[in-house]
C-alpha atoms as a PDB file:
ATOM      1  CA  MET A   1      -4.607  17.515  -1.544  1.00  0.00           C
ATOM      2  CA  PRO A   2      -5.811  16.479  -4.997  1.00  0.00           C
ATOM      3  CA  SER A   3      -2.562  14.549  -5.422  1.00  0.00           C
ATOM      4  CA  ARG A   4      -4.034  11.317  -4.006  1.00  0.00           C
ATOM      5  CA  ASN A   5      -7.354  11.889  -5.725  1.00  0.00           C
ATOM      6  CA  GLN A   6      -5.585  12.352  -9.065  1.00  0.00           C
ATOM      7  CA  ALA A   7      -3.580   9.152  -8.591  1.00  0.00           C
ATOM      8  CA  GLN A   8      -6.738   7.205  -7.765  1.00  0.00           C
ATOM      9  CA  ALA A   9      -8.556   8.651 -10.784  1.00  0.00           C
ATOM     10  CA  GLU A  10      -5.684   7.629 -13.064  1.00  0.00           C
ATOM     11  CA  LEU A  11      -5.646   4.139 -11.570  1.00  0.00           C
ATOM     12  CA  GLN A  12      -9.378   3.751 -12.103  1.00  0.00           C
ATOM     13  CA  ARG A  13      -9.003   4.897 -15.722  1.00  0.00           C
ATOM     14  CA  LEU A  14      -6.193   2.413 -16.292  1.00  0.00           C
ATOM     15  CA  ARG A  15      -8.306  -0.397 -14.826  1.00  0.00           C
ATOM     16  CA  ASP A  16     -11.219   0.605 -17.028  1.00  0.00           C
ATOM     17  CA  GLN A  17      -8.969   0.411 -20.101  1.00  0.00           C
ATOM     18  CA  MET A  18      -7.547  -2.950 -19.046  1.00  0.00           C
ATOM     19  CA  ALA A  19     -11.029  -4.326 -18.293  1.00  0.00           C
END
């Protein structure tokens, strides 16, 4: 289920942008 993996990847990207 890449649904959870996709959500985590998006969250990590958002955190990287907010860094």
